[in-house]
Amino acid sequence: MMLFVSFPRMDDVVLGGTHDYGDWNTEPDPTDTKRIWEGCCKLFPSLKHAEILEVNVGHRPGRPSVRLEKEIVTSGGKAIKIVHNYGHGGGGVTLHWGCAQEAVQMVKEWVEPCVTSRL
């Protein structure tokens, strides 16, 4: 599946991408690169004369739903507290703010009761 996305940054713009299940190739595909460039230029004609600085592959592992939860596992007789926050796939750029805030809150729920003052 071909998607056309644009992420403007301070000095450049990131264009992408594809949505291919099971494709773990780490080398850019020239056909995909051409289709992404042409598709983005149709959406944003001002890009036509821009210089391509680099071409990369970025894997965004996903799952049916984001895993955002606390878990306690036992290893070597010790309880280990874990906050899971992964599986955002290509939506990580959009979702990470809210999920990170929730993950911080989960950590605070475990840490704050342990903090004591020594005055």
N, C-alpha and C. Protein backbone atom coordinates (compact mmCIF):
# COMPACT_ATOMS: atom_id res chain seq x y z
N MET A 1 0.85 -1.16 0.00
CA MET A 1 0.00 0.00 0.00
C MET A 1 0.90 1.23 0.00
N MET A 2 0.56 2.22 -0.78
CA MET A 2 1.35 3.43 -0.88
C MET A 2 0.61 4.57 -0.19
N LEU A 3 1.32 5.27 0.69
CA LEU A 3 0.78 6.43 1.39
C LEU A 3 1.66 7.62 1.06
N PHE A 4 1.09 8.80 1.05
CA PHE A 4 1.89 9.99 0.83
C PHE A 4 1.74 10.89 2.04
N VAL A 5 2.84 11.07 2.75
CA VAL A 5 2.82 11.89 3.95
C VAL A 5 3.97 12.89 3.88
N SER A 6 3.78 13.99 4.55
CA SER A 6 4.78 15.04 4.57
C SER A 6 4.93 15.53 6.01
N PHE A 7 6.17 15.56 6.50
CA PHE A 7 6.46 16.06 7.84
C PHE A 7 7.45 17.21 7.72
N PRO A 8 6.94 18.44 7.65
CA PRO A 8 7.86 19.59 7.56
C PRO A 8 8.69 19.72 8.84
N ARG A 9 9.97 20.01 8.65
CA ARG A 9 10.86 20.27 9.79
C ARG A 9 11.47 21.65 9.58
N MET A 10 12.43 22.02 10.40
CA MET A 10 13.01 23.36 10.34
C MET A 10 13.67 23.66 8.99
N ASP A 11 14.52 22.74 8.51
CA ASP A 11 15.29 23.00 7.29
C ASP A 11 15.00 22.05 6.14
N ASP A 12 14.08 21.11 6.33
CA ASP A 12 13.78 20.16 5.28
C ASP A 12 12.39 19.57 5.51
N VAL A 13 12.03 18.64 4.66
CA VAL A 13 10.73 17.98 4.74
C VAL A 13 10.96 16.49 4.57
N VAL A 14 10.34 15.69 5.44
CA VAL A 14 10.42 14.24 5.31
C VAL A 14 9.19 13.78 4.54
N LEU A 15 9.39 13.01 3.48
CA LEU A 15 8.29 12.48 2.68
C LEU A 15 8.25 10.96 2.84
N GLY A 16 7.09 10.38 2.74
CA GLY A 16 6.97 8.92 2.84
C GLY A 16 5.59 8.55 2.35
N GLY A 17 5.26 7.39 2.34
CA GLY A 17 5.86 6.18 2.70
C GLY A 17 5.03 5.03 2.15
N THR A 18 5.39 3.89 2.60
CA THR A 18 4.69 2.65 2.23
C THR A 18 4.12 2.01 3.49
N HIS A 19 3.25 1.08 3.29
CA HIS A 19 2.64 0.33 4.40
C HIS A 19 2.59 -1.12 3.95
N ASP A 20 3.70 -1.80 4.13
CA ASP A 20 3.85 -3.16 3.62
C ASP A 20 4.06 -4.15 4.76
N TYR A 21 3.09 -4.98 5.01
CA TYR A 21 3.21 -6.01 6.04
C TYR A 21 4.23 -7.05 5.64
N GLY A 22 5.11 -7.39 6.57
CA GLY A 22 6.07 -8.47 6.34
C GLY A 22 7.27 -8.09 5.50
N ASP A 23 7.41 -6.84 5.07
CA ASP A 23 8.57 -6.42 4.28
C ASP A 23 9.58 -5.78 5.22
N TRP A 24 10.65 -6.50 5.53
CA TRP A 24 11.66 -6.01 6.45
C TRP A 24 12.95 -5.62 5.73
N ASN A 25 12.86 -5.39 4.42
CA ASN A 25 14.01 -4.96 3.65
C ASN A 25 14.50 -3.61 4.18
N THR A 26 15.78 -3.49 4.41
CA THR A 26 16.34 -2.24 4.94
C THR A 26 16.93 -1.34 3.86
N GLU A 27 16.88 -1.78 2.62
CA GLU A 27 17.38 -0.98 1.51
C GLU A 27 16.21 -0.28 0.81
N PRO A 28 16.35 1.01 0.49
CA PRO A 28 15.28 1.71 -0.23
C PRO A 28 15.00 1.06 -1.58
N ASP A 29 13.74 0.98 -1.93
CA ASP A 29 13.32 0.44 -3.23
C ASP A 29 13.16 1.63 -4.18
N PRO A 30 13.95 1.68 -5.26
CA PRO A 30 13.88 2.82 -6.19
C PRO A 30 12.47 3.06 -6.75
N THR A 31 11.70 1.99 -6.95
CA THR A 31 10.34 2.14 -7.45
C THR A 31 9.47 2.84 -6.40
N ASP A 32 9.58 2.44 -5.15
CA ASP A 32 8.84 3.10 -4.07
C ASP A 32 9.26 4.56 -3.95
N THR A 33 10.57 4.80 -4.01
CA THR A 33 11.08 6.17 -3.89
C THR A 33 10.47 7.06 -4.98
N LYS A 34 10.45 6.57 -6.20
CA LYS A 34 9.89 7.34 -7.32
C LYS A 34 8.40 7.60 -7.12
N ARG A 35 7.67 6.59 -6.70
CA ARG A 35 6.22 6.75 -6.50
C ARG A 35 5.92 7.72 -5.36
N ILE A 36 6.71 7.65 -4.28
CA ILE A 36 6.52 8.57 -3.16
C ILE A 36 6.81 10.00 -3.62
N TRP A 37 7.93 10.20 -4.31
CA TRP A 37 8.31 11.54 -4.78
C TRP A 37 7.24 12.11 -5.71
N GLU A 38 6.82 11.34 -6.69
CA GLU A 38 5.82 11.82 -7.64
C GLU A 38 4.48 12.08 -6.96
N GLY A 39 4.08 11.21 -6.05
CA GLY A 39 2.81 11.40 -5.34
C GLY A 39 2.84 12.64 -4.46
N CYS A 40 3.94 12.85 -3.75
CA CYS A 40 4.05 14.04 -2.89
C CYS A 40 4.13 15.31 -3.72
N CYS A 41 4.79 15.25 -4.87
CA CYS A 41 4.87 16.43 -5.74
C CYS A 41 3.50 16.79 -6.33
N LYS A 42 2.65 15.79 -6.54
CA LYS A 42 1.28 16.09 -6.98
C LYS A 42 0.51 16.80 -5.88
N LEU A 43 0.71 16.36 -4.63
CA LEU A 43 0.02 16.99 -3.50
C LEU A 43 0.61 18.36 -3.17
N PHE A 44 1.93 18.47 -3.32
CA PHE A 44 2.65 19.71 -2.98
C PHE A 44 3.54 20.10 -4.15
N PRO A 45 2.98 20.76 -5.18
CA PRO A 45 3.75 21.10 -6.38
C PRO A 45 5.03 21.88 -6.11
N SER A 46 5.10 22.60 -5.02
CA SER A 46 6.30 23.38 -4.72
C SER A 46 7.52 22.49 -4.46
N LEU A 47 7.31 21.21 -4.24
CA LEU A 47 8.43 20.28 -4.01
C LEU A 47 9.17 19.90 -5.29
N LYS A 48 8.56 20.12 -6.44
CA LYS A 48 9.12 19.63 -7.71
C LYS A 48 10.58 20.02 -7.93
N HIS A 49 10.99 21.17 -7.45
CA HIS A 49 12.36 21.63 -7.70
C HIS A 49 13.25 21.46 -6.47
N ALA A 50 12.75 20.77 -5.46
CA ALA A 50 13.54 20.55 -4.25
C ALA A 50 14.62 19.51 -4.49
N GLU A 51 15.68 19.60 -3.73
CA GLU A 51 16.76 18.63 -3.80
C GLU A 51 16.46 17.48 -2.83
N ILE A 52 16.63 16.25 -3.31
CA ILE A 52 16.48 15.09 -2.42
C ILE A 52 17.80 14.92 -1.69
N LEU A 53 17.76 15.06 -0.37
CA LEU A 53 18.98 15.00 0.44
C LEU A 53 19.40 13.57 0.75
N GLU A 54 18.43 12.71 1.01
CA GLU A 54 18.73 11.31 1.29
C GLU A 54 17.47 10.48 1.19
N VAL A 55 17.66 9.19 1.03
CA VAL A 55 16.56 8.24 0.97
C VAL A 55 16.84 7.16 2.00
N ASN A 56 15.87 6.91 2.87
CA ASN A 56 16.03 5.94 3.95
C ASN A 56 14.83 5.02 4.04
N VAL A 57 15.02 3.96 4.79
CA VAL A 57 13.93 3.05 5.11
C VAL A 57 13.71 3.14 6.62
N GLY A 58 12.47 3.33 7.03
CA GLY A 58 12.15 3.37 8.45
C GLY A 58 11.04 2.38 8.75
N HIS A 59 11.36 1.36 9.52
CA HIS A 59 10.35 0.37 9.90
C HIS A 59 9.57 0.86 11.10
N ARG A 60 8.27 0.75 11.03
CA ARG A 60 7.38 1.16 12.11
C ARG A 60 6.54 -0.03 12.54
N PRO A 61 7.12 -0.90 13.37
CA PRO A 61 6.37 -2.10 13.77
C PRO A 61 5.06 -1.73 14.46
N GLY A 62 4.04 -2.39 14.08
CA GLY A 62 2.73 -2.15 14.68
C GLY A 62 2.13 -3.44 15.19
N ARG A 63 1.00 -3.31 15.78
CA ARG A 63 0.24 -4.47 16.27
C ARG A 63 -1.23 -4.08 16.18
N PRO A 64 -2.15 -4.99 16.41
CA PRO A 64 -3.57 -4.64 16.29
C PRO A 64 -3.99 -3.45 17.16
N SER A 65 -3.34 -3.30 18.33
CA SER A 65 -3.61 -2.13 19.17
C SER A 65 -2.33 -1.78 19.92
N VAL A 66 -2.22 -0.54 20.33
CA VAL A 66 -1.06 -0.09 21.10
C VAL A 66 -1.06 -0.81 22.45
N ARG A 67 0.11 -1.21 22.89
CA ARG A 67 0.21 -1.80 24.23
C ARG A 67 0.71 -0.70 25.17
N LEU A 68 -0.17 -0.28 26.05
CA LEU A 68 0.14 0.75 27.04
C LEU A 68 -0.43 0.28 28.37
N GLU A 69 0.43 -0.38 29.15
CA GLU A 69 -0.04 -0.95 30.41
C GLU A 69 1.12 -1.23 31.35
N LYS A 70 0.79 -1.40 32.63
CA LYS A 70 1.77 -1.78 33.65
C LYS A 70 1.76 -3.29 33.81
N GLU A 71 2.94 -3.82 34.16
CA GLU A 71 3.06 -5.25 34.41
C GLU A 71 4.15 -5.45 35.45
N ILE A 72 3.95 -6.42 36.32
CA ILE A 72 4.99 -6.81 37.27
C ILE A 72 5.39 -8.24 36.93
N VAL A 73 6.67 -8.44 36.63
CA VAL A 73 7.19 -9.77 36.33
C VAL A 73 8.20 -10.13 37.41
N THR A 74 8.40 -11.41 37.61
CA THR A 74 9.36 -11.88 38.60
C THR A 74 10.55 -12.50 37.90
N SER A 75 11.74 -12.08 38.31
CA SER A 75 12.97 -12.63 37.74
C SER A 75 13.98 -12.78 38.86
N GLY A 76 14.47 -13.99 39.05
CA GLY A 76 15.44 -14.23 40.11
C GLY A 76 14.91 -13.91 41.49
N GLY A 77 13.61 -14.10 41.67
CA GLY A 77 13.00 -13.83 42.96
C GLY A 77 12.69 -12.37 43.22
N LYS A 78 12.96 -11.50 42.26
CA LYS A 78 12.69 -10.07 42.41
C LYS A 78 11.54 -9.65 41.52
N ALA A 79 10.69 -8.79 42.06
CA ALA A 79 9.59 -8.22 41.27
C ALA A 79 10.13 -7.05 40.46
N ILE A 80 9.90 -7.07 39.16
CA ILE A 80 10.34 -6.01 38.27
C ILE A 80 9.12 -5.32 37.69
N LYS A 81 9.05 -4.02 37.89
CA LYS A 81 7.92 -3.24 37.40
C LYS A 81 8.24 -2.73 35.99
N ILE A 82 7.31 -2.98 35.08
CA ILE A 82 7.50 -2.60 33.68
C ILE A 82 6.29 -1.80 33.21
N VAL A 83 6.54 -0.72 32.47
CA VAL A 83 5.47 0.00 31.78
C VAL A 83 5.70 -0.23 30.30
N HIS A 84 4.76 -0.89 29.66
CA HIS A 84 4.83 -1.15 28.22
C HIS A 84 4.20 0.03 27.47
N ASN A 85 4.87 0.48 26.42
CA ASN A 85 4.35 1.56 25.58
C ASN A 85 4.92 1.37 24.18
N TYR A 86 4.28 0.51 23.40
CA TYR A 86 4.80 0.23 22.06
C TYR A 86 3.67 -0.24 21.14
N GLY A 87 4.03 -0.40 19.86
CA GLY A 87 3.07 -0.91 18.88
C GLY A 87 2.30 0.17 18.17
N HIS A 88 2.84 1.38 18.12
CA HIS A 88 2.14 2.51 17.51
C HIS A 88 2.15 2.48 15.99
N GLY A 89 3.06 1.68 15.42
CA GLY A 89 3.16 1.61 13.96
C GLY A 89 3.42 2.98 13.37
N GLY A 90 2.87 3.23 12.21
CA GLY A 90 3.06 4.50 11.53
C GLY A 90 2.38 5.67 12.22
N GLY A 91 1.52 5.39 13.20
CA GLY A 91 0.83 6.46 13.92
C GLY A 91 1.59 6.99 15.12
N GLY A 92 2.82 6.52 15.31
CA GLY A 92 3.60 6.94 16.47
C GLY A 92 3.85 8.43 16.54
N VAL A 93 4.05 9.06 15.39
CA VAL A 93 4.29 10.51 15.37
C VAL A 93 3.08 11.24 15.94
N THR A 94 1.90 10.74 15.68
CA THR A 94 0.67 11.37 16.16
C THR A 94 0.36 10.96 17.60
N LEU A 95 0.51 9.69 17.90
CA LEU A 95 0.05 9.15 19.18
C LEU A 95 1.04 9.28 20.33
N HIS A 96 2.32 9.47 20.04
CA HIS A 96 3.31 9.34 21.11
C HIS A 96 3.13 10.35 22.24
N TRP A 97 2.63 11.55 21.97
CA TRP A 97 2.47 12.56 23.02
C TRP A 97 1.53 12.06 24.12
N GLY A 98 0.35 11.67 23.74
CA GLY A 98 -0.62 11.22 24.73
C GLY A 98 -0.21 9.93 25.41
N CYS A 99 0.35 9.00 24.64
CA CYS A 99 0.78 7.73 25.23
C CYS A 99 1.94 7.95 26.19
N ALA A 100 2.86 8.85 25.85
CA ALA A 100 3.98 9.13 26.74
C ALA A 100 3.48 9.74 28.05
N GLN A 101 2.50 10.63 27.96
CA GLN A 101 1.94 11.22 29.18
C GLN A 101 1.30 10.15 30.07
N GLU A 102 0.58 9.23 29.45
CA GLU A 102 -0.04 8.15 30.22
C GLU A 102 1.02 7.23 30.83
N ALA A 103 2.08 6.94 30.07
CA ALA A 103 3.15 6.08 30.59
C ALA A 103 3.84 6.74 31.78
N VAL A 104 4.08 8.05 31.69
CA VAL A 104 4.69 8.77 32.81
C VAL A 104 3.79 8.68 34.05
N GLN A 105 2.51 8.84 33.85
CA GLN A 105 1.57 8.75 34.97
C GLN A 105 1.62 7.36 35.62
N MET A 106 1.73 6.33 34.79
CA MET A 106 1.83 4.96 35.33
C MET A 106 3.09 4.79 36.17
N VAL A 107 4.21 5.33 35.68
CA VAL A 107 5.47 5.24 36.44
C VAL A 107 5.32 6.00 37.75
N LYS A 108 4.73 7.19 37.70
CA LYS A 108 4.54 7.98 38.92
C LYS A 108 3.69 7.24 39.94
N GLU A 109 2.70 6.51 39.50
CA GLU A 109 1.86 5.74 40.42
C GLU A 109 2.68 4.74 41.22
N TRP A 110 3.75 4.21 40.61
CA TRP A 110 4.61 3.27 41.30
C TRP A 110 5.70 3.97 42.11
N VAL A 111 6.22 5.07 41.60
CA VAL A 111 7.37 5.72 42.22
C VAL A 111 6.97 6.65 43.37
N GLU A 112 5.97 7.48 43.19
CA GLU A 112 5.63 8.49 44.19
C GLU A 112 5.31 7.93 45.57
N PRO A 113 4.61 6.81 45.68
CA PRO A 113 4.37 6.27 47.04
C PRO A 113 5.66 5.86 47.74
N CYS A 114 6.74 5.64 46.99
CA CYS A 114 8.01 5.19 47.58
C CYS A 114 8.88 6.35 48.04
N VAL A 115 8.56 7.56 47.63
CA VAL A 115 9.38 8.72 47.96
C VAL A 115 9.03 9.20 49.36
N THR A 116 10.06 9.30 50.19
CA THR A 116 9.86 9.80 51.55
C THR A 116 10.81 10.97 51.80
N SER A 117 10.39 11.87 52.64
CA SER A 117 11.20 13.04 52.95
C SER A 117 12.06 12.76 54.17
N ARG A 118 13.28 13.24 54.13
CA ARG A 118 14.20 13.09 55.27
C ARG A 118 14.61 14.49 55.71
N LEU A 119 13.76 15.12 56.49
CA LEU A 119 14.06 16.46 56.97
C LEU A 119 14.75 16.45 58.29
